[in-house]
Protein backbone atom coordinates (compact mmCIF):
# COMPACT_ATOMS: atom_id res chain seq x y z
CA MET A 1 12.29 -24.59 -22.29
CA SER A 2 12.51 -21.09 -20.78
CA GLU A 3 10.91 -20.39 -17.43
CA ILE A 4 7.74 -18.33 -17.48
CA GLN A 5 7.89 -15.33 -15.17
CA ILE A 6 4.70 -14.10 -13.54
CA SER A 7 4.07 -11.02 -11.44
CA GLY A 8 2.77 -10.76 -7.90
CA LYS A 9 -0.62 -9.87 -9.37
CA ASP A 10 -0.62 -13.04 -11.49
CA VAL A 11 0.35 -15.05 -8.42
CA ILE A 12 -2.93 -14.08 -6.76
CA LEU A 13 -4.90 -15.24 -9.80
CA ARG A 14 -2.99 -18.53 -9.89
CA ALA A 15 -3.49 -19.07 -6.16
CA ALA A 16 -7.24 -18.48 -6.54
CA ARG A 17 -7.43 -21.24 -9.16
CA LEU A 18 -5.32 -23.78 -7.27
CA LEU A 19 -6.97 -23.09 -3.91
CA GLU A 20 -10.42 -23.43 -5.50
CA ILE A 21 -11.64 -19.97 -4.56
CA LYS A 22 -15.31 -19.62 -5.56
CA LEU A 23 -15.95 -15.89 -5.00
CA VAL A 24 -13.89 -12.72 -5.38
CA SER A 25 -15.46 -9.55 -3.99
CA ALA A 26 -13.66 -6.25 -4.39
CA VAL A 27 -13.75 -2.49 -4.19
CA ALA A 28 -11.63 -0.53 -6.64
CA GLY A 29 -8.62 1.46 -5.49
CA TYR A 30 -4.84 1.57 -5.81
CA PRO A 31 -3.06 -0.84 -5.73
CA VAL A 32 -5.71 -3.60 -5.95
CA THR A 33 -7.66 -2.44 -9.02
CA SER A 34 -5.17 -4.02 -11.41
CA ILE A 35 -5.48 -7.36 -9.59
CA VAL A 36 -9.26 -7.37 -9.90
CA ASN A 37 -8.97 -6.47 -13.59
CA LEU A 38 -7.01 -9.70 -14.09
CA PHE A 39 -9.88 -11.64 -12.54
CA LYS A 40 -12.45 -9.72 -14.55
CA ASN A 41 -10.61 -10.51 -17.81
CA ASP A 42 -10.29 -14.22 -17.04
CA ASP A 43 -12.85 -16.54 -18.67
CA PHE A 44 -13.70 -18.35 -15.43
CA TRP A 45 -13.40 -15.50 -12.98
CA ALA A 46 -15.39 -12.95 -15.00
CA ASP A 47 -18.64 -14.43 -13.66
CA ASN A 48 -17.33 -14.98 -10.13
CA THR A 49 -15.68 -11.60 -9.48
CA PHE A 50 -17.76 -8.67 -8.31
CA TRP A 51 -17.16 -4.95 -7.90
CA MET A 52 -18.98 -4.10 -4.67
CA ILE A 53 -20.34 -0.69 -3.67
CA ASN A 54 -18.25 -0.65 -0.48
CA GLU A 55 -15.86 -2.81 1.52
CA LYS A 56 -18.30 -3.68 4.30
CA VAL A 57 -20.63 -5.17 1.70
CA ALA A 58 -17.67 -6.94 0.06
CA LEU A 59 -16.63 -8.67 3.28
CA GLU A 60 -20.20 -9.49 4.31
CA THR A 61 -20.80 -11.18 0.94
CA ALA A 62 -17.62 -13.21 1.38
CA LEU A 63 -18.71 -14.16 4.90
CA GLY A 64 -21.94 -15.47 3.40
CA ALA A 65 -19.95 -17.54 0.92
CA SER A 66 -17.81 -18.87 3.76
CA VAL A 67 -20.85 -19.96 5.77
CA ALA A 68 -22.06 -21.84 2.68
CA GLY A 69 -18.72 -23.67 2.32
CA ARG A 70 -17.33 -21.52 -0.53
CA ARG A 71 -13.79 -20.13 -0.30
CA SER A 72 -13.39 -16.45 -1.08
CA PHE A 73 -10.98 -13.56 -1.57
CA VAL A 74 -11.81 -9.97 -0.61
CA LEU A 75 -9.68 -7.31 -2.31
CA THR A 76 -9.48 -3.80 -0.92
CA LYS A 77 -7.03 -0.95 -0.56
CA HIS A 78 -5.86 -0.04 2.93
CA VAL A 79 -8.49 2.65 3.60
CA GLY A 80 -11.16 0.10 2.72
CA MET A 81 -10.05 -1.88 5.77
CA ASN A 82 -11.57 0.90 7.87
CA VAL A 83 -14.94 0.33 6.21
CA LEU A 84 -15.00 -3.46 6.54
CA CYS A 85 -13.70 -3.41 10.10
CA ASP A 86 -17.16 -3.74 11.67
CA PRO A 87 -17.99 -7.26 10.40
CA LEU A 88 -14.29 -8.22 10.53
CA VAL A 89 -13.99 -7.72 14.29
CA THR A 90 -17.12 -9.74 15.00
CA SER A 91 -16.22 -12.54 12.59
CA ALA A 92 -13.24 -13.72 14.64
CA THR A 93 -15.34 -14.77 17.63
CA HIS A 94 -18.47 -15.56 15.61
CA THR A 95 -16.41 -18.06 13.55
CA ILE A 96 -16.81 -18.78 9.82
CA GLY A 97 -16.85 -21.79 7.50
CA ALA A 98 -14.74 -22.06 4.34
CA GLY A 99 -11.50 -20.13 4.00
CA LEU A 100 -11.73 -16.36 3.64
CA VAL A 101 -8.71 -14.19 2.82
CA ILE A 102 -8.70 -10.40 2.79
CA ILE A 103 -6.01 -9.08 0.44
CA ALA A 104 -5.27 -5.58 1.73
CA GLY A 105 -3.40 -3.32 -0.68
CA ASP A 106 -1.28 -0.81 1.25
CA ASP A 107 0.15 2.33 -0.35
CA PRO A 108 3.45 3.28 1.36
CA GLY A 109 4.31 6.74 0.10
CA ALA A 110 0.60 7.47 -0.52
CA LYS A 111 1.01 7.48 -4.29
CA ALA A 112 -2.75 7.35 -4.87
CA SER A 113 -4.45 7.48 -1.48
CA GLN A 114 -5.91 9.95 0.99
CA ASN A 115 -3.65 8.68 3.77
CA GLU A 116 -0.70 6.42 4.46
CA GLN A 117 -1.84 3.77 6.93
CA ASP A 118 -0.67 0.29 7.89
CA SER A 119 -3.10 -2.63 7.52
CA ARG A 120 -1.10 -4.87 9.84
CA TYR A 121 -2.74 -3.18 12.84
CA PHE A 122 -6.10 -4.70 11.90
CA GLY A 123 -4.69 -8.05 13.01
CA SER A 124 -4.33 -7.03 16.65
CA LEU A 125 -7.54 -4.98 16.51
CA ALA A 126 -9.73 -7.77 15.10
CA GLU A 127 -7.59 -10.62 16.50
CA VAL A 128 -7.18 -12.25 13.10
CA PRO A 129 -3.92 -13.50 11.52
CA VAL A 130 -1.91 -11.21 9.23
CA PHE A 131 0.69 -12.20 6.62
CA ASP A 132 3.14 -9.66 5.17
CA PRO A 133 5.04 -11.45 2.37
CA ALA A 134 8.18 -10.03 0.73
CA THR A 135 8.20 -11.65 -2.74
CA PRO A 136 5.70 -13.19 -5.19
CA GLU A 137 6.84 -16.66 -4.12
CA LYS A 138 6.23 -15.73 -0.50
CA LEU A 139 2.89 -14.23 -1.49
CA PHE A 140 1.76 -17.54 -2.96
CA GLY A 141 2.86 -19.36 0.17
CA SER A 142 1.08 -16.83 2.37
CA LEU A 143 -2.19 -17.18 0.44
CA THR A 144 -1.98 -20.96 0.70
CA GLU A 145 -1.25 -20.85 4.42
CA ALA A 146 -3.90 -18.18 4.94
CA ILE A 147 -6.63 -20.44 3.51
CA GLU A 148 -5.37 -23.37 5.60
CA LEU A 149 -5.24 -21.30 8.80
CA SER A 150 -8.58 -19.64 8.06
CA GLU A 151 -10.25 -23.05 7.92
CA LYS A 152 -8.37 -24.49 10.91
CA ALA A 153 -9.09 -21.50 13.15
CA SER A 154 -12.45 -20.60 11.55
CA ILE A 155 -11.54 -16.93 11.07
CA PRO A 156 -10.78 -14.54 8.20
CA VAL A 157 -7.08 -13.96 7.48
CA ILE A 158 -5.43 -10.78 6.16
CA VAL A 159 -2.65 -10.84 3.56
CA ARG A 160 -1.01 -7.46 3.10
CA VAL A 161 0.37 -6.48 -0.33
CA THR A 162 1.97 -3.34 -1.77
CA SER A 163 2.49 -2.10 -5.32
CA ARG A 164 6.17 -3.10 -5.37
CA LEU A 165 5.32 -6.64 -4.33
CA LEU A 166 2.56 -6.87 -6.94
CA GLU A 167 4.89 -5.61 -9.68
CA SER A 168 7.74 -7.99 -8.75
CA PHE A 169 8.24 -11.25 -10.65
CA CYS A 170 8.63 -14.94 -9.85
CA VAL A 171 11.32 -16.96 -11.60
CA SER A 172 9.02 -19.87 -12.37
CA ALA A 173 5.26 -20.19 -12.19
CA ALA A 174 5.44 -23.99 -12.33
CA GLU A 175 6.86 -24.15 -8.80
CA LEU A 176 3.82 -22.46 -7.32
CA GLN A 177 1.77 -25.33 -5.97
CA PRO A 178 -0.25 -25.47 -2.74
CA LYS A 179 0.84 -27.96 -0.11
CA ARG A 180 -2.49 -29.75 -0.32
CA THR A 181 -6.12 -29.13 -1.09
CA VAL A 182 -8.97 -30.43 1.04
CA LEU A 183 -12.69 -29.88 0.94
CA PRO A 184 -13.60 -26.62 2.67
CA PRO A 185 -15.69 -26.82 5.84
CA GLU A 186 -19.12 -25.30 6.31
CA PHE A 187 -20.20 -23.14 9.20
CA ASP A 188 -20.59 -24.93 12.56
CA ARG A 189 -23.76 -23.65 14.25
CA SER A 190 -22.69 -25.01 17.63
CA VAL A 191 -21.02 -21.64 18.26
CA TRP A 192 -24.51 -20.34 19.12
CA GLU A 193 -24.42 -22.48 22.27
CA TYR A 194 -22.21 -19.75 23.76
CA THR A 195 -23.01 -16.22 24.87
CA MET A 196 -21.10 -13.34 23.26
CA LYS A 197 -18.81 -13.33 26.30
CA GLY A 198 -18.49 -17.09 25.99
CA LYS A 199 -17.54 -16.81 22.33
CA HIS A 200 -14.67 -14.49 23.23
CA GLN A 201 -13.57 -16.82 26.03
CA ARG A 202 -13.73 -19.75 23.63
CA PHE A 203 -11.68 -17.78 21.10
CA HIS A 204 -8.85 -17.16 23.58
CA SER A 205 -8.84 -20.70 24.92
CA LEU A 206 -8.96 -22.50 21.56
CA THR A 207 -8.48 -20.26 18.51
CA PHE A 208 -5.80 -17.81 19.56
CA PRO A 209 -3.42 -20.52 20.87
CA LEU A 210 -3.76 -22.21 17.47
CA MET A 211 -2.82 -18.93 15.78
CA GLU A 212 0.19 -18.48 18.08
CA GLU A 213 1.39 -22.02 17.41
CA TYR A 214 1.06 -21.44 13.66
CA SER A 215 3.04 -18.20 13.91
CA GLN A 216 5.83 -19.69 16.00
CA SER A 217 6.23 -22.62 13.58
CA GLN A 218 6.26 -20.47 10.41
CA ASP A 219 9.08 -21.27 8.01
CA CYS A 220 10.52 -17.75 7.79
CA LEU A 221 13.98 -16.66 6.70
CA CYS A 222 16.32 -16.64 9.72
CA ASN A 223 20.05 -16.31 9.06
CA ILE A 224 22.21 -15.71 12.14
CA ASN A 225 25.69 -14.75 10.95
CA THR A 226 26.99 -12.60 13.80
CA THR A 227 26.37 -11.45 17.36
CA LYS A 228 26.87 -7.80 16.40
CA THR A 229 24.02 -6.60 14.16
CA GLY A 230 20.76 -8.24 13.21
CA ILE A 231 17.83 -7.02 11.15
CA ILE A 232 14.18 -7.92 11.70
CA SER A 233 11.94 -7.22 8.70
CA SER A 234 8.64 -8.01 7.03
CA GLY A 235 6.97 -7.29 3.69
CA TYR A 236 8.78 -5.87 0.67
CA PRO A 237 11.52 -4.26 2.85
CA ALA A 238 12.61 -7.81 3.72
CA TYR A 239 13.50 -8.27 0.04
CA LEU A 240 15.51 -5.02 0.11
CA VAL A 241 17.41 -6.19 3.20
CA LYS A 242 18.18 -9.53 1.56
CA LYS A 243 19.53 -7.77 -1.55
CA ILE A 244 21.73 -5.45 0.53
CA ILE A 245 23.21 -8.40 2.42
CA GLU A 246 23.85 -10.32 -0.82
CA GLU A 247 25.30 -7.35 -2.73
CA ASN A 248 27.66 -6.38 0.10
CA ASN A 249 28.51 -9.95 1.09
CA SER A 250 27.55 -8.84 4.56
CA ARG A 251 27.70 -10.90 7.76
CA ILE A 252 24.61 -9.18 9.15
CA SER A 253 21.97 -11.52 10.57
CA HIS A 254 18.45 -11.36 9.15
CA LEU A 255 15.08 -12.52 10.46
CA ALA A 256 12.36 -11.93 7.84
CA LEU A 257 8.81 -12.53 9.02
CA ASP A 258 5.97 -13.63 6.74
CA MET A 259 3.30 -13.82 9.44
CA VAL A 260 3.17 -10.69 11.58
CA TYR A 261 0.09 -11.32 13.71
CA PRO A 262 0.38 -13.00 16.04
CA LEU A 263 4.11 -12.35 16.12
CA PRO A 264 6.42 -15.30 16.89
CA ILE A 265 7.49 -13.71 20.19
CA LYS A 266 9.83 -16.50 21.31
CA LYS A 267 11.65 -16.49 17.97
CA LEU A 268 11.96 -12.71 18.05
CA LYS A 269 13.22 -12.61 21.64
CA SER A 270 15.84 -15.23 20.89
CA PHE A 271 17.03 -13.26 17.85
CA ILE A 272 17.16 -9.98 19.78
CA GLU A 273 19.05 -11.49 22.72
CA HIS A 274 21.66 -12.89 20.34
CA HIS A 275 22.69 -9.48 18.95
CA GLU A 276 24.18 -6.25 20.30
CA HIS A 277 22.14 -4.12 17.88
CA VAL A 278 18.85 -4.97 16.17
CA LEU A 279 17.42 -2.86 13.36
CA VAL A 280 13.72 -3.24 12.57
CA VAL A 281 12.93 -2.51 8.90
CA GLU A 282 9.23 -2.31 8.01
CA GLU A 283 6.62 -0.25 6.13
CA THR A 284 4.65 1.94 7.01
CA GLU A 285 4.53 2.29 10.80
CA ASP A 286 6.62 0.86 13.66
CA TYR A 287 4.31 -2.11 14.08
CA ILE A 288 6.83 -4.87 14.90
CA GLU A 289 9.22 -2.42 16.56
CA SER A 290 6.56 -1.25 19.03
CA TYR A 291 6.49 -4.70 20.64
CA PHE A 292 10.17 -4.43 21.57
CA SER A 293 11.03 -0.72 21.54
CA VAL A 294 11.57 -0.72 25.32
CA GLU A 295 14.75 -2.70 24.65
CA ASP A 296 17.83 -0.46 24.28
CA THR A 297 19.22 -2.68 21.53
CA ILE A 298 16.24 -2.03 19.20
CA LYS A 299 16.70 0.61 16.49
CA GLY A 300 14.12 1.70 13.96
CA LYS A 301 11.51 4.40 13.42
CA SER A 302 11.25 5.40 17.08
CA THR A 303 15.00 6.06 17.26
CA GLY A 304 15.17 7.95 13.96
CA HIS A 305 17.15 5.24 12.16
CA ILE A 306 14.32 4.32 9.76
CA PRO A 307 11.70 6.73 8.36
CA HIS A 308 7.96 6.19 8.45
CA GLY A 309 6.26 5.35 5.16
CA LYS A 310 7.97 3.83 2.15
CA ILE A 311 11.39 2.24 2.67
CA GLU A 312 14.25 2.38 0.16
CA LYS A 313 17.70 0.77 0.17
CA GLU A 314 19.41 4.03 1.13
CA HIS A 315 17.32 4.25 4.30
CA ILE A 316 18.53 0.81 5.41
CA LEU A 317 22.17 1.54 4.54
CA HIS A 318 22.06 4.84 6.43
CA ALA A 319 20.59 3.10 9.47
CA LEU A 320 23.30 0.43 9.42
CA GLU A 321 26.03 3.10 9.22
CA ASN A 322 24.61 4.65 12.40
CA ILE A 323 23.55 1.48 14.16
CA LYS A 324 25.71 2.13 17.25
CA LYS A 325 23.97 5.44 17.91
CA THR A 326 21.11 5.25 20.39
CA HIS A 327 19.20 7.94 18.51
CA ILE A 328 19.40 9.84 15.21
CA ASP A 329 17.79 13.24 14.88
CA LYS A 330 14.92 13.00 12.44
CA VAL A 331 15.39 15.45 9.60
CA VAL A 332 12.06 15.35 7.80
CA LYS A 333 11.10 17.73 5.03
CA PRO A 334 7.41 17.18 4.31
CA GLU A 335 6.71 16.70 0.62
CA THR A 336 4.79 19.55 -0.98
CA VAL A 337 2.49 19.54 -3.99
CA LYS A 338 4.89 21.95 -5.69
CA GLU A 339 7.84 19.55 -5.29
CA ARG A 340 5.92 16.46 -6.36
CA GLY A 341 4.11 18.20 -9.17
CA PRO A 342 0.40 19.03 -9.21
CA ARG A 343 -2.24 16.44 -10.00
CA SER A 344 -4.95 18.44 -11.67
CA ILE A 345 -8.44 17.89 -12.95
CA CYS A 346 -8.31 16.73 -16.57
CA ASP A 347 -8.52 19.58 -19.11
CA THR A 348 -11.41 17.72 -20.75
CA CYS A 349 -13.39 17.23 -17.50
CA PRO A 350 -17.01 18.34 -18.06
CA TYR A 351 -17.15 19.65 -14.49
CA LEU A 352 -14.40 22.26 -14.82
CA PRO A 353 -16.97 25.11 -14.99
CA LEU A 354 -18.49 23.85 -11.74
CA TYR A 355 -15.12 23.77 -9.97
CA ARG A 356 -14.33 27.29 -11.18
CA VAL A 357 -17.63 28.53 -9.76
CA LEU A 358 -17.14 26.70 -6.46
CA GLY A 359 -13.70 28.29 -6.12
CA LYS A 360 -15.37 31.72 -6.06
CA ILE A 361 -17.87 30.87 -3.30
CA ASP A 362 -16.82 32.23 0.09
CA LYS A 363 -18.14 29.26 2.07
CA PRO A 364 -16.54 25.98 3.14
CA ILE A 365 -17.09 23.16 0.64
CA ALA A 366 -16.87 19.47 1.50
CA GLY A 367 -15.42 17.25 -1.20
CA ASP A 368 -15.11 13.52 -1.58
CA MET A 369 -12.29 11.07 -2.30
CA GLY A 370 -12.90 11.12 -6.04
CA CYS A 371 -11.67 13.48 -8.71
CA SER A 372 -13.02 16.48 -6.79
CA ILE A 373 -10.09 16.16 -4.39
CA LEU A 374 -7.89 17.26 -7.31
CA SER A 375 -9.63 20.64 -7.21
CA THR A 376 -8.17 21.56 -3.81
CA SER A 377 -4.96 23.05 -5.20
CA ALA A 378 -4.42 26.24 -7.19
CA PRO A 379 -5.71 27.52 -9.51
CA LEU A 380 -9.17 26.03 -8.74
CA GLN A 381 -9.06 25.80 -4.92
CA ALA A 382 -12.68 24.69 -4.99
CA VAL A 383 -12.94 22.01 -2.30
CA ASP A 384 -11.85 22.80 1.26
CA ALA A 385 -12.18 19.50 3.14
CA GLY A 386 -12.15 15.82 2.21
CA PHE A 387 -11.83 12.95 4.68
CA ALA A 388 -13.13 9.68 3.25
CA LEU A 389 -15.01 8.18 0.33
CA GLY A 390 -18.68 9.03 0.79
CA SER A 391 -18.07 11.52 3.62
CA ALA A 392 -18.81 14.84 1.88
CA VAL A 393 -22.53 14.91 2.70
CA SER A 394 -22.10 14.29 6.43
CA VAL A 395 -19.12 16.67 6.67
CA ALA A 396 -21.18 19.46 5.10
CA CYS A 397 -23.91 18.86 7.69
CA GLY A 398 -21.51 20.19 10.29
CA PHE A 399 -20.94 23.51 8.53
CA LYS A 400 -22.47 26.74 9.77
CA GLU A 401 -25.64 27.69 7.90
CA LYS A 402 -26.40 25.71 4.73
CA GLY A 403 -23.49 23.43 3.84
CA ILE A 404 -22.21 22.53 0.37
CA ALA A 405 -21.13 18.96 -0.48
CA VAL A 406 -19.60 17.79 -3.76
CA ILE A 407 -19.75 14.02 -4.16
CA GLY A 408 -19.35 11.57 -7.05
CA ASP A 409 -22.03 9.01 -7.81
CA PHE A 410 -19.67 6.23 -6.69
CA GLY A 411 -19.00 8.01 -3.39
CA LEU A 412 -22.75 8.38 -2.97
CA ALA A 413 -23.31 4.65 -3.48
CA HIS A 414 -20.30 3.76 -1.30
CA THR A 415 -21.43 5.42 1.93
CA GLY A 416 -22.74 8.87 0.99
CA LEU A 417 -26.35 7.75 0.76
CA GLN A 418 -26.44 7.10 4.52
CA GLY A 419 -25.30 10.69 5.00
CA LEU A 420 -28.24 11.91 2.93
CA ILE A 421 -30.71 9.80 4.92
CA ASN A 422 -29.24 11.14 8.14
CA ALA A 423 -29.40 14.74 6.86
CA LYS A 424 -33.07 14.28 5.98
CA SER A 425 -34.05 12.72 9.30
CA ASN A 426 -32.21 15.39 11.30
CA GLY A 427 -33.45 18.35 9.27
CA PHE A 428 -30.08 19.69 8.09
CA ASP A 429 -29.87 22.47 5.51
CA LEU A 430 -27.68 21.20 2.72
CA LEU A 431 -26.76 21.63 -0.93
CA VAL A 432 -25.51 18.35 -2.40
CA ILE A 433 -23.91 18.42 -5.85
CA ILE A 434 -23.73 14.87 -7.21
CA LEU A 435 -21.29 14.35 -10.08
CA GLN A 436 -23.25 11.77 -12.05
CA ASN A 437 -20.94 10.41 -14.74
CA ASP A 438 -21.90 6.72 -14.17
CA VAL A 439 -18.31 5.61 -13.50
CA ALA A 440 -15.81 5.48 -10.64
CA ALA A 441 -13.47 7.76 -12.56
CA MET A 442 -10.62 7.92 -10.03
CA THR A 443 -10.20 4.15 -9.72
CA GLY A 444 -10.48 2.88 -13.29
CA GLY A 445 -13.93 3.59 -14.70
CA GLN A 446 -15.94 0.87 -12.98
CA ASP A 447 -19.72 1.05 -13.48
CA VAL A 448 -21.76 2.81 -10.80
CA ALA A 449 -25.31 2.04 -9.72
CA ASP A 450 -27.87 4.68 -10.75
CA LEU A 451 -29.48 5.98 -7.55
CA THR A 452 -31.71 8.60 -9.20
CA HIS A 453 -34.96 6.89 -8.15
CA VAL A 454 -33.68 6.49 -4.59
CA LEU A 455 -32.86 10.21 -4.46
CA GLU A 456 -36.30 11.10 -5.83
CA ALA A 457 -37.92 9.00 -3.11
CA LEU A 458 -35.92 10.82 -0.45
CA HIS A 459 -36.05 14.43 -1.62
CA ASN A 460 -38.24 16.80 -3.63
CA ASP A 461 -35.73 19.56 -4.43
CA ILE A 462 -33.71 17.88 -7.21
CA GLU A 463 -32.38 19.82 -10.18
CA VAL A 464 -30.74 18.08 -13.15
CA VAL A 465 -27.95 19.97 -14.91
CA ASP A 466 -26.51 18.45 -18.09
CA PHE A 467 -22.90 19.60 -18.39
CA ALA A 468 -22.76 18.36 -21.97
CA GLU A 469 -24.80 21.43 -22.87
CA LYS A 470 -21.96 23.80 -21.96
CA ILE A 471 -23.77 25.69 -19.23
CA LYS A 472 -22.50 29.23 -18.62
CA GLU A 473 -20.62 29.79 -15.39
CA SER A 474 -22.79 32.81 -14.56
CA GLU A 475 -25.94 30.69 -14.85
CA LEU A 476 -24.37 27.96 -12.75
CA GLN A 477 -23.38 30.42 -10.05
CA ALA A 478 -26.89 31.89 -10.00
CA LEU A 479 -28.37 28.39 -9.59
CA LEU A 480 -26.05 27.60 -6.68
CA MET A 481 -26.85 30.87 -4.94
CA GLU A 482 -30.59 30.24 -5.39
CA LYS A 483 -30.26 26.79 -3.82
CA MET A 484 -28.19 28.16 -0.95
CA GLU A 485 -31.04 30.49 -0.02
CA THR A 486 -33.56 27.64 0.08
CA LYS A 487 -34.25 25.90 3.40
CA GLY A 488 -33.80 22.12 3.60
CA ILE A 489 -31.89 19.75 1.36
CA SER A 490 -31.27 20.73 -2.26
CA ILE A 491 -29.75 18.30 -4.74
CA ILE A 492 -28.12 19.12 -8.06
CA LEU A 493 -27.61 16.09 -10.30
CA ALA A 494 -24.65 17.19 -12.41
CA LYS A 495 -24.68 14.90 -15.44
CA GLY A 496 -21.46 14.58 -17.40
CA THR A 497 -19.34 12.14 -19.34
CA CYS A 498 -15.81 11.31 -18.22
CA SER A 499 -13.54 11.64 -21.26
CA LYS A 500 -11.23 8.91 -19.94
CA TYR A 501 -13.89 6.21 -20.05
């Protein structure tokens, strides 16, 4: 009988079944959308998996499930970690009930993201454990251990994944079995006997030592083959290091970490002291390296041996060839849109006339992290600034005179609505163009809540423009200019149908 291979994405679905996860809450975005689609297409999980309007809501719902004794997964891309950080930081000292795992999808190389950030830092910020597995097998083990540790320490746990990990394959699905399954605990209300200061003191006297002990005892790969050169790694780069060592029959030592917060400091110090040179290989930032970069033996991003962002085999080989050098000059040529190739608005997008008109307006225009961000480059050059999903409205409030914001209906539901409430209460002059196509077009066509009645309750100046009627650009420009001359908040509901969905 041939072995059945399954991908890293399938591993998460299998782990959810075997670990008796009861709730999956998620926000769409690369690279986690494809994982959630697996859950949505599964007979059991279809009714227990939810697309949430934002990541804060997603985590808060999972925290509610945890308090009620129901295990949960939260799936988000790395920028979503910024949004859920508020309840995350409090949850560590507040304590929880049943196991709660946040699966954070990082995007080294920023293939489909507005930035290139590293989710591992949320461990030290929120003081919650972080796993950074290298292979699908390791991913399954990390999810199993994350649930166990979450329930032992009564805290959420982060498991970091990347697209290359999710697209890798296991040799055999049958071998993926959790160590044991026990009934999940419910929330212990005795934590309310402590003040907020007392909760933090309790955390550092009881919970954090438990986390440190768990980290130090982790069964990670540690091969010491020489006293010359050793490599410390985590995540998918650990797999690349392992392949390089195997392919070159190398005697290089290798310590590959699965759990990266708290770090197993004693294990790391022992490894470092045993070698003349230690190369730290990790994506995206110098997270592990920063703990030991004061040591002259440590080489990595800070010394120019390893680049920031996505790591490839050639980066590791180049670093090893220059391992005796204390520093390598960083020769970085920033990638341009021209080199990569433009990512343009679809030719069939109903809003193309709008973007063409916006490109002719000599005023700053705030865009959002949806398809409108694709209008920043030539030939449209419509949107001037875009910082985060849902941010366009608040950004435009800071413009001189009446500001212009272009936001999708998903961005509005995500966090943009708060910006509108704030603009109203503070009396800002603002023109908000809402692209109402009823889907989250950039992330896979998920349904979006209709907020029309909410908008009508907030504002009087609302104009509906149906882009299916092929409005003339001259008429559209005249409408925008009219609204720009009106005091207060003006809203244009731009109705259209995304041809992709």
